[in-house]
Amino acid sequence: MDQRADNDTRNMGTALDLDRVRAVQANTSAIERRAATLPGRRSVKKDYQAAWLLKAVTCIDLTTLSGDDTAERVKRLCAKARNPVDRRLLEAMGMPDVTVGAVCVYHDMVDVALRALEGTGIPVAAVSTGFPAGLSPFHLRLAEIGESVKAGAEEIDIVISRRHVLSGDWQALYDEMRAFREACGSAHVKAILATGELGTLRNVARASMVCMMAGADFIKTSTGKESVNATLPVSLTMIRAIRAYHAMTGWRVGYKPAGGISKAKDALVYLSLIKEELGERWLRPNLFRFGASSLLGDIERQLEHHVTGAYSAGYRHAMG
């Protein structure tokens, strides 16, 4: 293994190795069997469950990506990001204040989010490159990244061109991802694969590998706008690609499941999957995120039950 294996600096990428990419396979039936066992194999209770749920909070990209987003909605979301869990609950558990991993918005709301989060250290992530379809002209997609970076976004969630994957044009995907990475500069880049539109788990595995070779800091399942978003088989496939890439290069790449993760129990399954497949080093916001909004409300509700013994109404834990 490369001597950089214990270095958490960002992924610098490698030259495209088409032989290695084409050698990547995915045993769908085995992956699905393994994924099906996950919800029932690991169970944490009481204080341990509360601790894991608080860990999940720190790994959430609190997100609003709606056509009717307003500045006030984003401000309310940022207020929740600053105080994601009722301080009375944290005090009862003897825990310090926690914050989410980031706030994710459209470009037009980057400035609003930055001002609302000033002084917190919570980064702002912007979706880019013609999100969610990624079909705008290439020079405009690059320009969009540049505008969000200029506005102050520290993280950029880009969408790949699915046609490159579906046609097996790995060189085109690599060149596109490399250009996106360069346009991001010092901002970290999350590559959204839109896995629900890639056809097969083998395509997911190969696309993951190519994006990492091109310098993606994170690989992310979905935009949240597809009919199928994050699933456990897809997650297992992408996580094992991350593990293979780390063994090959020493670079650690982050993972972000997004779309459809709304329950605290689901968050626990994903955290246990990361721990088993990649190890505790990945259970940090710089290497693991949930793309979610309603998830936080259910986690807070479960934490209130842990402290008080009673479930509160869902409306008491609104995001904004």
C-alpha atoms as a PDB file:
ATOM      1  CA  MET A   1       0.000   0.000   0.000  1.00  0.00           C
ATOM      2  CA  ASP A   2       1.154   3.525  -0.706  1.00  0.00           C
ATOM      3  CA  GLN A   3       2.868   5.307   2.198  1.00  0.00           C
ATOM      4  CA  ARG A   4       0.192   8.007   2.000  1.00  0.00           C
ATOM      5  CA  ALA A   5      -2.376   5.507   3.281  1.00  0.00           C
ATOM      6  CA  ASP A   6      -2.549   7.195   6.672  1.00  0.00           C
ATOM      7  CA  ASN A   7      -2.785  10.694   5.216  1.00  0.00           C
ATOM      8  CA  ASP A   8      -6.180  12.436   5.215  1.00  0.00           C
ATOM      9  CA  THR A   9      -5.212  15.098   2.671  1.00  0.00           C
ATOM     10  CA  ARG A  10      -7.607  15.365  -0.242  1.00  0.00           C
ATOM     11  CA  ASN A  11      -7.562  12.930  -3.123  1.00  0.00           C
ATOM     12  CA  MET A  12      -5.204  14.140  -5.850  1.00  0.00           C
ATOM     13  CA  GLY A  13      -6.326  11.527  -8.356  1.00  0.00           C
ATOM     14  CA  THR A  14      -4.290   9.344 -10.690  1.00  0.00           C
ATOM     15  CA  ALA A  15      -3.876   8.782 -14.404  1.00  0.00           C
ATOM     16  CA  LEU A  16      -6.801   6.932 -15.954  1.00  0.00           C
ATOM     17  CA  ASP A  17      -6.061   3.199 -15.994  1.00  0.00           C
ATOM     18  CA  LEU A  18      -8.573   1.738 -18.442  1.00  0.00           C
ATOM     19  CA  ASP A  19      -7.413  -1.844 -17.864  1.00  0.00           C
ATOM     20  CA  ARG A  20      -8.092  -1.485 -14.145  1.00  0.00           C
ATOM     21  CA  VAL A  21     -11.456   0.171 -14.768  1.00  0.00           C
ATOM     22  CA  ARG A  22     -12.584  -2.559 -17.160  1.00  0.00           C
ATOM     23  CA  ALA A  23     -11.475  -5.193 -14.663  1.00  0.00           C
ATOM     24  CA  VAL A  24     -13.902  -3.814 -12.056  1.00  0.00           C
ATOM     25  CA  GLN A  25     -16.862  -6.159 -11.582  1.00  0.00           C
ATOM     26  CA  ALA A  26     -19.874  -6.299  -9.298  1.00  0.00           C
ATOM     27  CA  ASN A  27     -21.513  -9.556  -8.225  1.00  0.00           C
ATOM     28  CA  THR A  28     -25.071  -8.273  -7.988  1.00  0.00           C
ATOM     29  CA  SER A  29     -26.618 -11.287  -6.271  1.00  0.00           C
ATOM     30  CA  ALA A  30     -23.845 -11.420  -3.631  1.00  0.00           C
ATOM     31  CA  ILE A  31     -24.057  -7.679  -3.035  1.00  0.00           C
ATOM     32  CA  GLU A  32     -27.819  -7.826  -2.645  1.00  0.00           C
ATOM     33  CA  ARG A  33     -27.582 -10.773  -0.215  1.00  0.00           C
ATOM     34  CA  ARG A  34     -25.012  -8.947   1.906  1.00  0.00           C
ATOM     35  CA  ALA A  35     -27.058  -5.729   1.866  1.00  0.00           C
ATOM     36  CA  ALA A  36     -30.221  -7.589   2.884  1.00  0.00           C
ATOM     37  CA  THR A  37     -28.552  -8.823   6.077  1.00  0.00           C
ATOM     38  CA  LEU A  38     -27.435  -5.391   7.255  1.00  0.00           C
ATOM     39  CA  PRO A  39     -30.601  -4.048   8.950  1.00  0.00           C
ATOM     40  CA  GLY A  40     -30.890  -7.129  11.161  1.00  0.00           C
ATOM     41  CA  ARG A  41     -27.256  -7.819  11.955  1.00  0.00           C
ATOM     42  CA  ARG A  42     -26.284  -4.761  13.926  1.00  0.00           C
ATOM     43  CA  SER A  43     -28.347  -3.232  16.721  1.00  0.00           C
ATOM     44  CA  VAL A  44     -27.280  -0.580  19.202  1.00  0.00           C
ATOM     45  CA  LYS A  45     -29.430   0.412  22.156  1.00  0.00           C
ATOM     46  CA  LYS A  46     -29.780   3.056  24.847  1.00  0.00           C
ATOM     47  CA  ASP A  47     -26.689   5.243  25.392  1.00  0.00           C
ATOM     48  CA  TYR A  48     -24.840   3.619  22.504  1.00  0.00           C
ATOM     49  CA  GLN A  49     -27.692   4.352  20.132  1.00  0.00           C
ATOM     50  CA  ALA A  50     -27.839   7.978  21.281  1.00  0.00           C
ATOM     51  CA  ALA A  51     -24.093   8.343  20.703  1.00  0.00           C
ATOM     52  CA  TRP A  52     -24.359   6.896  17.190  1.00  0.00           C
ATOM     53  CA  LEU A  53     -27.283   9.158  16.376  1.00  0.00           C
ATOM     54  CA  LEU A  54     -25.312  12.205  17.502  1.00  0.00           C
ATOM     55  CA  LYS A  55     -22.470  11.022  15.273  1.00  0.00           C
ATOM     56  CA  ALA A  56     -24.967  10.863  12.406  1.00  0.00           C
ATOM     57  CA  VAL A  57     -26.018  14.471  13.063  1.00  0.00           C
ATOM     58  CA  THR A  58     -22.439  15.674  12.599  1.00  0.00           C
ATOM     59  CA  CYS A  59     -22.345  13.916   9.208  1.00  0.00           C
ATOM     60  CA  ILE A  60     -25.507  15.442   7.728  1.00  0.00           C
ATOM     61  CA  ASP A  61     -25.420  17.801   4.761  1.00  0.00           C
ATOM     62  CA  LEU A  62     -28.592  19.653   5.709  1.00  0.00           C
ATOM     63  CA  THR A  63     -30.178  20.296   2.350  1.00  0.00           C
ATOM     64  CA  THR A  64     -32.837  22.355   0.610  1.00  0.00           C
ATOM     65  CA  LEU A  65     -32.991  22.058  -3.172  1.00  0.00           C
ATOM     66  CA  SER A  66     -36.513  23.102  -4.112  1.00  0.00           C
ATOM     67  CA  GLY A  67     -37.695  25.407  -6.849  1.00  0.00           C
ATOM     68  CA  ASP A  68     -39.570  27.450  -4.257  1.00  0.00           C
ATOM     69  CA  ASP A  69     -36.580  28.005  -1.956  1.00  0.00           C
ATOM     70  CA  THR A  70     -36.508  31.486  -0.454  1.00  0.00           C
ATOM     71  CA  ALA A  71     -33.909  33.383   1.526  1.00  0.00           C
ATOM     72  CA  GLU A  72     -36.025  33.004   4.658  1.00  0.00           C
ATOM     73  CA  ARG A  73     -36.272  29.234   4.228  1.00  0.00           C
ATOM     74  CA  VAL A  74     -32.502  28.983   3.868  1.00  0.00           C
ATOM     75  CA  LYS A  75     -31.977  31.177   6.941  1.00  0.00           C
ATOM     76  CA  ARG A  76     -34.258  28.905   8.972  1.00  0.00           C
ATOM     77  CA  LEU A  77     -32.395  25.854   7.702  1.00  0.00           C
ATOM     78  CA  CYS A  78     -29.096  27.432   8.709  1.00  0.00           C
ATOM     79  CA  ALA A  79     -30.487  28.193  12.160  1.00  0.00           C
ATOM     80  CA  LYS A  80     -31.285  24.490  12.463  1.00  0.00           C
ATOM     81  CA  ALA A  81     -27.783  23.638  11.230  1.00  0.00           C
ATOM     82  CA  ARG A  82     -26.306  25.757  14.018  1.00  0.00           C
ATOM     83  CA  ASN A  83     -28.460  24.064  16.659  1.00  0.00           C
ATOM     84  CA  PRO A  84     -29.567  20.739  15.178  1.00  0.00           C
ATOM     85  CA  VAL A  85     -30.482  19.165  18.521  1.00  0.00           C
ATOM     86  CA  ASP A  86     -32.379  20.851  21.357  1.00  0.00           C
ATOM     87  CA  ARG A  87     -29.748  22.019  23.831  1.00  0.00           C
ATOM     88  CA  ARG A  88     -31.824  20.718  26.720  1.00  0.00           C
ATOM     89  CA  LEU A  89     -31.491  17.217  25.293  1.00  0.00           C
ATOM     90  CA  LEU A  90     -27.751  17.624  24.854  1.00  0.00           C
ATOM     91  CA  GLU A  91     -27.397  18.863  28.434  1.00  0.00           C
ATOM     92  CA  ALA A  92     -29.421  15.911  29.713  1.00  0.00           C
ATOM     93  CA  MET A  93     -27.057  13.559  27.879  1.00  0.00           C
ATOM     94  CA  GLY A  94     -23.975  15.423  29.075  1.00  0.00           C
ATOM     95  CA  MET A  95     -23.003  16.247  25.512  1.00  0.00           C
ATOM     96  CA  PRO A  96     -21.484  19.447  24.102  1.00  0.00           C
ATOM     97  CA  ASP A  97     -23.155  21.354  21.310  1.00  0.00           C
ATOM     98  CA  VAL A  98     -23.056  19.658  17.926  1.00  0.00           C
ATOM     99  CA  THR A  99     -23.483  21.003  14.420  1.00  0.00           C
ATOM    100  CA  VAL A 100     -24.210  19.381  11.073  1.00  0.00           C
ATOM    101  CA  GLY A 101     -21.539  18.616   8.482  1.00  0.00           C
ATOM    102  CA  ALA A 102     -22.610  21.278   5.970  1.00  0.00           C
ATOM    103  CA  VAL A 103     -25.565  23.121   4.478  1.00  0.00           C
ATOM    104  CA  CYS A 104     -26.288  22.329   0.826  1.00  0.00           C
ATOM    105  CA  VAL A 105     -28.153  24.790  -1.412  1.00  0.00           C
ATOM    106  CA  TYR A 106     -28.481  26.040  -4.972  1.00  0.00           C
ATOM    107  CA  HIS A 107     -25.969  28.652  -6.127  1.00  0.00           C
ATOM    108  CA  ASP A 108     -28.403  31.552  -5.705  1.00  0.00           C
ATOM    109  CA  MET A 109     -28.629  30.809  -1.980  1.00  0.00           C
ATOM    110  CA  VAL A 110     -24.896  30.470  -1.272  1.00  0.00           C
ATOM    111  CA  ASP A 111     -24.510  34.063  -0.086  1.00  0.00           C
ATOM    112  CA  VAL A 112     -27.597  33.831   2.125  1.00  0.00           C
ATOM    113  CA  ALA A 113     -26.306  30.638   3.727  1.00  0.00           C
ATOM    114  CA  LEU A 114     -22.809  32.043   4.235  1.00  0.00           C
ATOM    115  CA  ARG A 115     -24.145  35.065   6.085  1.00  0.00           C
ATOM    116  CA  ALA A 116     -26.462  32.919   8.194  1.00  0.00           C
ATOM    117  CA  LEU A 117     -23.609  30.567   9.152  1.00  0.00           C
ATOM    118  CA  GLU A 118     -20.935  33.200   9.706  1.00  0.00           C
ATOM    119  CA  GLY A 119     -18.609  32.296  12.563  1.00  0.00           C
ATOM    120  CA  THR A 120     -19.868  28.712  12.932  1.00  0.00           C
ATOM    121  CA  GLY A 121     -17.306  26.881  10.806  1.00  0.00           C
ATOM    122  CA  ILE A 122     -20.131  25.034   9.044  1.00  0.00           C
ATOM    123  CA  PRO A 123     -19.260  24.883   5.331  1.00  0.00           C
ATOM    124  CA  VAL A 124     -21.703  25.761   2.567  1.00  0.00           C
ATOM    125  CA  ALA A 125     -22.032  23.282  -0.287  1.00  0.00           C
ATOM    126  CA  ALA A 126     -23.513  24.257  -3.642  1.00  0.00           C
ATOM    127  CA  VAL A 127     -24.958  21.900  -6.226  1.00  0.00           C
ATOM    128  CA  SER A 128     -23.601  22.677  -9.656  1.00  0.00           C
ATOM    129  CA  THR A 129     -22.988  21.623 -13.285  1.00  0.00           C
ATOM    130  CA  GLY A 130     -26.585  21.801 -14.402  1.00  0.00           C
ATOM    131  CA  PHE A 131     -27.979  19.964 -11.384  1.00  0.00           C
ATOM    132  CA  PRO A 132     -29.846  17.635 -11.438  1.00  0.00           C
ATOM    133  CA  ALA A 133     -29.635  16.438 -15.073  1.00  0.00           C
ATOM    134  CA  GLY A 134     -26.165  17.793 -15.932  1.00  0.00           C
ATOM    135  CA  LEU A 135     -27.136  18.501 -19.526  1.00  0.00           C
ATOM    136  CA  SER A 136     -26.329  22.192 -19.875  1.00  0.00           C
ATOM    137  CA  PRO A 137     -23.415  23.217 -22.165  1.00  0.00           C
ATOM    138  CA  PHE A 138     -20.072  22.139 -20.760  1.00  0.00           C
ATOM    139  CA  HIS A 139     -18.575  25.646 -20.587  1.00  0.00           C
ATOM    140  CA  LEU A 140     -21.607  26.793 -18.603  1.00  0.00           C
ATOM    141  CA  ARG A 141     -21.213  23.921 -16.168  1.00  0.00           C
ATOM    142  CA  LEU A 142     -17.597  24.928 -15.564  1.00  0.00           C
ATOM    143  CA  ALA A 143     -18.635  28.565 -15.194  1.00  0.00           C
ATOM    144  CA  GLU A 144     -21.302  27.584 -12.675  1.00  0.00           C
ATOM    145  CA  ILE A 145     -18.677  25.892 -10.514  1.00  0.00           C
ATOM    146  CA  GLY A 146     -16.490  28.986 -10.733  1.00  0.00           C
ATOM    147  CA  GLU A 147     -19.327  31.286  -9.688  1.00  0.00           C
ATOM    148  CA  SER A 148     -20.159  29.187  -6.621  1.00  0.00           C
ATOM    149  CA  VAL A 149     -16.508  28.974  -5.584  1.00  0.00           C
ATOM    150  CA  LYS A 150     -16.174  32.735  -6.055  1.00  0.00           C
ATOM    151  CA  ALA A 151     -19.284  33.244  -3.914  1.00  0.00           C
ATOM    152  CA  GLY A 152     -17.652  31.323  -1.083  1.00  0.00           C
ATOM    153  CA  ALA A 153     -18.908  27.753  -1.337  1.00  0.00           C
ATOM    154  CA  GLU A 154     -16.344  25.413   0.223  1.00  0.00           C
ATOM    155  CA  GLU A 155     -17.860  22.280  -1.293  1.00  0.00           C
ATOM    156  CA  ILE A 156     -19.303  21.690  -4.754  1.00  0.00           C
ATOM    157  CA  ASP A 157     -21.655  18.809  -5.535  1.00  0.00           C
ATOM    158  CA  ILE A 158     -21.368  18.159  -9.278  1.00  0.00           C
ATOM    159  CA  VAL A 159     -23.392  15.793 -11.460  1.00  0.00           C
ATOM    160  CA  ILE A 160     -21.686  13.594 -14.014  1.00  0.00           C
ATOM    161  CA  SER A 161     -22.920  12.991 -17.560  1.00  0.00           C
ATOM    162  CA  ARG A 162     -24.705   9.658 -17.251  1.00  0.00           C
ATOM    163  CA  ARG A 163     -24.339   9.010 -20.994  1.00  0.00           C
ATOM    164  CA  HIS A 164     -20.590   8.541 -20.576  1.00  0.00           C
ATOM    165  CA  VAL A 165     -21.240   5.666 -18.169  1.00  0.00           C
ATOM    166  CA  LEU A 166     -24.050   4.118 -20.192  1.00  0.00           C
ATOM    167  CA  SER A 167     -21.913   4.137 -23.339  1.00  0.00           C
ATOM    168  CA  GLY A 168     -18.757   2.987 -21.531  1.00  0.00           C
ATOM    169  CA  ASP A 169     -16.832   6.108 -22.544  1.00  0.00           C
ATOM    170  CA  TRP A 170     -14.589   6.149 -19.486  1.00  0.00           C
ATOM    171  CA  GLN A 171     -12.093   8.570 -21.018  1.00  0.00           C
ATOM    172  CA  ALA A 172     -14.850  11.150 -21.507  1.00  0.00           C
ATOM    173  CA  LEU A 173     -16.054  10.679 -17.924  1.00  0.00           C
ATOM    174  CA  TYR A 174     -12.494  11.012 -16.598  1.00  0.00           C
ATOM    175  CA  ASP A 175     -11.821  14.167 -18.615  1.00  0.00           C
ATOM    176  CA  GLU A 176     -15.111  15.716 -17.496  1.00  0.00           C
ATOM    177  CA  MET A 177     -14.521  14.918 -13.829  1.00  0.00           C
ATOM    178  CA  ARG A 178     -10.937  16.158 -14.030  1.00  0.00           C
ATOM    179  CA  ALA A 179     -12.106  19.472 -15.470  1.00  0.00           C
ATOM    180  CA  PHE A 180     -14.718  19.820 -12.727  1.00  0.00           C
ATOM    181  CA  ARG A 181     -12.081  19.070 -10.086  1.00  0.00           C
ATOM    182  CA  GLU A 182      -9.750  21.737 -11.491  1.00  0.00           C
ATOM    183  CA  ALA A 183     -12.571  24.300 -11.668  1.00  0.00           C
ATOM    184  CA  CYS A 184     -13.303  23.703  -7.975  1.00  0.00           C
ATOM    185  CA  GLY A 185      -9.805  24.789  -6.941  1.00  0.00           C
ATOM    186  CA  SER A 186      -9.532  24.515  -3.164  1.00  0.00           C
ATOM    187  CA  ALA A 187     -13.237  23.699  -2.771  1.00  0.00           C
ATOM    188  CA  HIS A 188     -13.865  20.005  -2.227  1.00  0.00           C
ATOM    189  CA  VAL A 189     -15.835  18.274  -4.961  1.00  0.00           C
ATOM    190  CA  LYS A 190     -18.488  15.607  -4.513  1.00  0.00           C
ATOM    191  CA  ALA A 191     -19.264  13.630  -7.656  1.00  0.00           C
ATOM    192  CA  ILE A 192     -22.950  12.704  -7.914  1.00  0.00           C
ATOM    193  CA  LEU A 193     -23.297   9.517  -9.942  1.00  0.00           C
ATOM    194  CA  ALA A 194     -27.119   9.427 -10.093  1.00  0.00           C
ATOM    195  CA  THR A 195     -26.860   5.683  -9.549  1.00  0.00           C
ATOM    196  CA  GLY A 196     -30.558   5.079 -10.169  1.00  0.00           C
ATOM    197  CA  GLU A 197     -29.923   5.993 -13.809  1.00  0.00           C
ATOM    198  CA  LEU A 198     -26.744   3.969 -14.425  1.00  0.00           C
ATOM    199  CA  GLY A 199     -28.400   0.643 -15.162  1.00  0.00           C
ATOM    200  CA  THR A 200     -26.157  -1.862 -13.347  1.00  0.00           C
ATOM    201  CA  LEU A 201     -24.055  -2.142 -10.212  1.00  0.00           C
ATOM    202  CA  ARG A 202     -21.049  -2.804 -12.443  1.00  0.00           C
ATOM    203  CA  ASN A 203     -21.598   0.596 -14.046  1.00  0.00           C
ATOM    204  CA  VAL A 204     -21.844   2.116 -10.578  1.00  0.00           C
ATOM    205  CA  ALA A 205     -18.563   0.483  -9.522  1.00  0.00           C
ATOM    206  CA  ARG A 206     -16.702   1.542 -12.664  1.00  0.00           C
ATOM    207  CA  ALA A 207     -18.055   5.093 -12.586  1.00  0.00           C
ATOM    208  CA  SER A 208     -17.005   5.338  -8.936  1.00  0.00           C
ATOM    209  CA  MET A 209     -13.477   4.244  -9.790  1.00  0.00           C
ATOM    210  CA  VAL A 210     -13.144   6.656 -12.733  1.00  0.00           C
ATOM    211  CA  CYS A 211     -14.388   9.635 -10.718  1.00  0.00           C
ATOM    212  CA  MET A 212     -11.930   8.845  -7.930  1.00  0.00           C
ATOM    213  CA  MET A 213      -9.080   8.508 -10.421  1.00  0.00           C
ATOM    214  CA  ALA A 214     -10.053  11.953 -11.726  1.00  0.00           C
ATOM    215  CA  GLY A 215      -9.768  13.476  -8.245  1.00  0.00           C
ATOM    216  CA  ALA A 216     -13.237  13.408  -6.669  1.00  0.00           C
ATOM    217  CA  ASP A 217     -13.044  14.101  -2.932  1.00  0.00           C
ATOM    218  CA  PHE A 218     -16.388  12.351  -2.377  1.00  0.00           C
ATOM    219  CA  ILE A 219     -18.556  10.082  -4.454  1.00  0.00           C
ATOM    220  CA  LYS A 220     -22.284  10.536  -3.908  1.00  0.00           C
ATOM    221  CA  THR A 221     -25.179   8.298  -4.873  1.00  0.00           C
ATOM    222  CA  SER A 222     -27.886  10.621  -6.091  1.00  0.00           C
ATOM    223  CA  THR A 223     -29.273  14.070  -6.664  1.00  0.00           C
ATOM    224  CA  GLY A 224     -32.375  13.112  -4.707  1.00  0.00           C
ATOM    225  CA  LYS A 225     -34.417  13.842  -7.838  1.00  0.00           C
ATOM    226  CA  GLU A 226     -34.199  10.393  -9.442  1.00  0.00           C
ATOM    227  CA  SER A 227     -36.894   7.756  -9.029  1.00  0.00           C
ATOM    228  CA  VAL A 228     -34.349   5.524  -7.217  1.00  0.00           C
ATOM    229  CA  ASN A 229     -31.850   7.177  -4.894  1.00  0.00           C
ATOM    230  CA  ALA A 230     -29.556   5.775  -2.190  1.00  0.00           C
ATOM    231  CA  THR A 231     -29.903   2.026  -1.585  1.00  0.00           C
ATOM    232  CA  LEU A 232     -27.824  -0.395   0.456  1.00  0.00           C
ATOM    233  CA  PRO A 233     -26.653  -2.454  -2.571  1.00  0.00           C
ATOM    234  CA  VAL A 234     -25.500   0.704  -4.350  1.00  0.00           C
ATOM    235  CA  SER A 235     -23.833   1.925  -1.172  1.00  0.00           C
ATOM    236  CA  LEU A 236     -22.006  -1.361  -0.676  1.00  0.00           C
ATOM    237  CA  THR A 237     -20.812  -1.225  -4.283  1.00  0.00           C
ATOM    238  CA  MET A 238     -19.506   2.338  -3.980  1.00  0.00           C
ATOM    239  CA  ILE A 239     -17.933   1.773  -0.571  1.00  0.00           C
ATOM    240  CA  ARG A 240     -16.014  -1.238  -1.838  1.00  0.00           C
ATOM    241  CA  ALA A 241     -14.819   0.832  -4.782  1.00  0.00           C
ATOM    242  CA  ILE A 242     -13.552   3.406  -2.272  1.00  0.00           C
ATOM    243  CA  ARG A 243     -11.772   0.646  -0.366  1.00  0.00           C
ATOM    244  CA  ALA A 244     -10.169  -0.676  -3.545  1.00  0.00           C
ATOM    245  CA  TYR A 245      -9.060   2.808  -4.578  1.00  0.00           C
ATOM    246  CA  HIS A 246      -7.544   3.417  -1.146  1.00  0.00           C
ATOM    247  CA  ALA A 247      -5.645   0.140  -1.332  1.00  0.00           C
ATOM    248  CA  MET A 248      -4.407   1.096  -4.794  1.00  0.00           C
ATOM    249  CA  THR A 249      -3.384   4.707  -4.157  1.00  0.00           C
ATOM    250  CA  GLY A 250      -3.448   5.465  -0.445  1.00  0.00           C
ATOM    251  CA  TRP A 251      -5.933   8.298  -0.970  1.00  0.00           C
ATOM    252  CA  ARG A 252      -9.075   8.318   1.149  1.00  0.00           C
ATOM    253  CA  VAL A 253     -12.251   9.308  -0.697  1.00  0.00           C
ATOM    254  CA  GLY A 254     -15.458  10.197   1.110  1.00  0.00           C
ATOM    255  CA  TYR A 255     -18.906   8.716   0.617  1.00  0.00           C
ATOM    256  CA  LYS A 256     -22.291  10.463   0.587  1.00  0.00           C
ATOM    257  CA  PRO A 257     -25.577   8.562   0.292  1.00  0.00           C
ATOM    258  CA  ALA A 258     -28.379  10.963  -0.630  1.00  0.00           C
ATOM    259  CA  GLY A 259     -32.082  10.734  -1.249  1.00  0.00           C
ATOM    260  CA  GLY A 260     -34.613   8.608   0.622  1.00  0.00           C
ATOM    261  CA  ILE A 261     -32.752   8.389   3.948  1.00  0.00           C
ATOM    262  CA  SER A 262     -35.273   9.842   6.385  1.00  0.00           C
ATOM    263  CA  LYS A 263     -35.323   7.571   9.443  1.00  0.00           C
ATOM    264  CA  ALA A 264     -32.880   7.374  12.335  1.00  0.00           C
ATOM    265  CA  LYS A 265     -32.797   3.570  12.088  1.00  0.00           C
ATOM    266  CA  ASP A 266     -31.633   3.874   8.466  1.00  0.00           C
ATOM    267  CA  ALA A 267     -28.824   6.197   9.522  1.00  0.00           C
ATOM    268  CA  LEU A 268     -27.630   3.576  12.016  1.00  0.00           C
ATOM    269  CA  VAL A 269     -27.511   0.947   9.264  1.00  0.00           C
ATOM    270  CA  TYR A 270     -25.425   3.194   7.013  1.00  0.00           C
ATOM    271  CA  LEU A 271     -23.027   4.053   9.838  1.00  0.00           C
ATOM    272  CA  SER A 272     -22.555   0.375  10.670  1.00  0.00           C
ATOM    273  CA  LEU A 273     -21.940  -0.379   6.985  1.00  0.00           C
ATOM    274  CA  ILE A 274     -19.210   2.264   6.851  1.00  0.00           C
ATOM    275  CA  LYS A 275     -17.617   0.970  10.047  1.00  0.00           C
ATOM    276  CA  GLU A 276     -17.604  -2.644   8.831  1.00  0.00           C
ATOM    277  CA  GLU A 277     -16.422  -2.000   5.273  1.00  0.00           C
ATOM    278  CA  LEU A 278     -14.098   1.000   5.651  1.00  0.00           C
ATOM    279  CA  GLY A 279     -13.337   1.342   9.350  1.00  0.00           C
ATOM    280  CA  GLU A 280     -13.804   4.023  11.975  1.00  0.00           C
ATOM    281  CA  ARG A 281     -11.539   6.472  10.149  1.00  0.00           C
ATOM    282  CA  TRP A 282     -14.375   7.075   7.672  1.00  0.00           C
ATOM    283  CA  LEU A 283     -16.905   7.880  10.410  1.00  0.00           C
ATOM    284  CA  ARG A 284     -16.014  11.564  10.285  1.00  0.00           C
ATOM    285  CA  PRO A 285     -17.614  14.470   8.428  1.00  0.00           C
ATOM    286  CA  ASN A 286     -14.570  14.848   6.181  1.00  0.00           C
ATOM    287  CA  LEU A 287     -15.151  11.328   4.815  1.00  0.00           C
ATOM    288  CA  PHE A 288     -18.841  10.573   5.307  1.00  0.00           C
ATOM    289  CA  ARG A 289     -22.021  12.614   4.847  1.00  0.00           C
ATOM    290  CA  PHE A 290     -25.735  12.015   4.598  1.00  0.00           C
ATOM    291  CA  GLY A 291     -27.521  14.121   2.000  1.00  0.00           C
ATOM    292  CA  ALA A 292     -30.742  14.723   3.897  1.00  0.00           C
ATOM    293  CA  SER A 293     -33.148  17.091   5.574  1.00  0.00           C
ATOM    294  CA  SER A 294     -36.016  15.161   7.184  1.00  0.00           C
ATOM    295  CA  LEU A 295     -33.512  12.671   8.654  1.00  0.00           C
ATOM    296  CA  LEU A 296     -32.440  15.210  11.253  1.00  0.00           C
ATOM    297  CA  GLY A 297     -36.003  15.631  12.521  1.00  0.00           C
ATOM    298  CA  ASP A 298     -36.398  11.906  13.155  1.00  0.00           C
ATOM    299  CA  ILE A 299     -32.999  11.678  14.852  1.00  0.00           C
ATOM    300  CA  GLU A 300     -33.914  14.503  17.212  1.00  0.00           C
ATOM    301  CA  ARG A 301     -37.229  12.796  17.927  1.00  0.00           C
ATOM    302  CA  GLN A 302     -35.423   9.568  18.816  1.00  0.00           C
ATOM    303  CA  LEU A 303     -33.009  11.449  21.071  1.00  0.00           C
ATOM    304  CA  GLU A 304     -35.924  13.057  22.898  1.00  0.00           C
ATOM    305  CA  HIS A 305     -37.372   9.595  23.461  1.00  0.00           C
ATOM    306  CA  HIS A 306     -33.997   8.461  24.804  1.00  0.00           C
ATOM    307  CA  VAL A 307     -33.971  11.316  27.328  1.00  0.00           C
ATOM    308  CA  THR A 308     -37.644  11.512  28.314  1.00  0.00           C
ATOM    309  CA  GLY A 309     -39.031   8.063  27.525  1.00  0.00           C
ATOM    310  CA  ALA A 310     -41.773   9.590  25.376  1.00  0.00           C
ATOM    311  CA  TYR A 311     -42.064  10.274  21.662  1.00  0.00           C
ATOM    312  CA  SER A 312     -42.816  13.843  20.665  1.00  0.00           C
ATOM    313  CA  ALA A 313     -44.888  14.952  17.713  1.00  0.00           C
ATOM    314  CA  GLY A 314     -42.937  15.247  14.471  1.00  0.00           C
ATOM    315  CA  TYR A 315     -43.912  18.895  13.988  1.00  0.00           C
ATOM    316  CA  ARG A 316     -41.862  19.800  17.073  1.00  0.00           C
ATOM    317  CA  HIS A 317     -38.691  19.028  15.125  1.00  0.00           C
ATOM    318  CA  ALA A 318     -39.257  20.992  11.940  1.00  0.00           C
ATOM    319  CA  MET A 319     -36.291  21.863   9.734  1.00  0.00           C
ATOM    320  CA  GLY A 320     -37.340  25.440   9.063  1.00  0.00           C
END
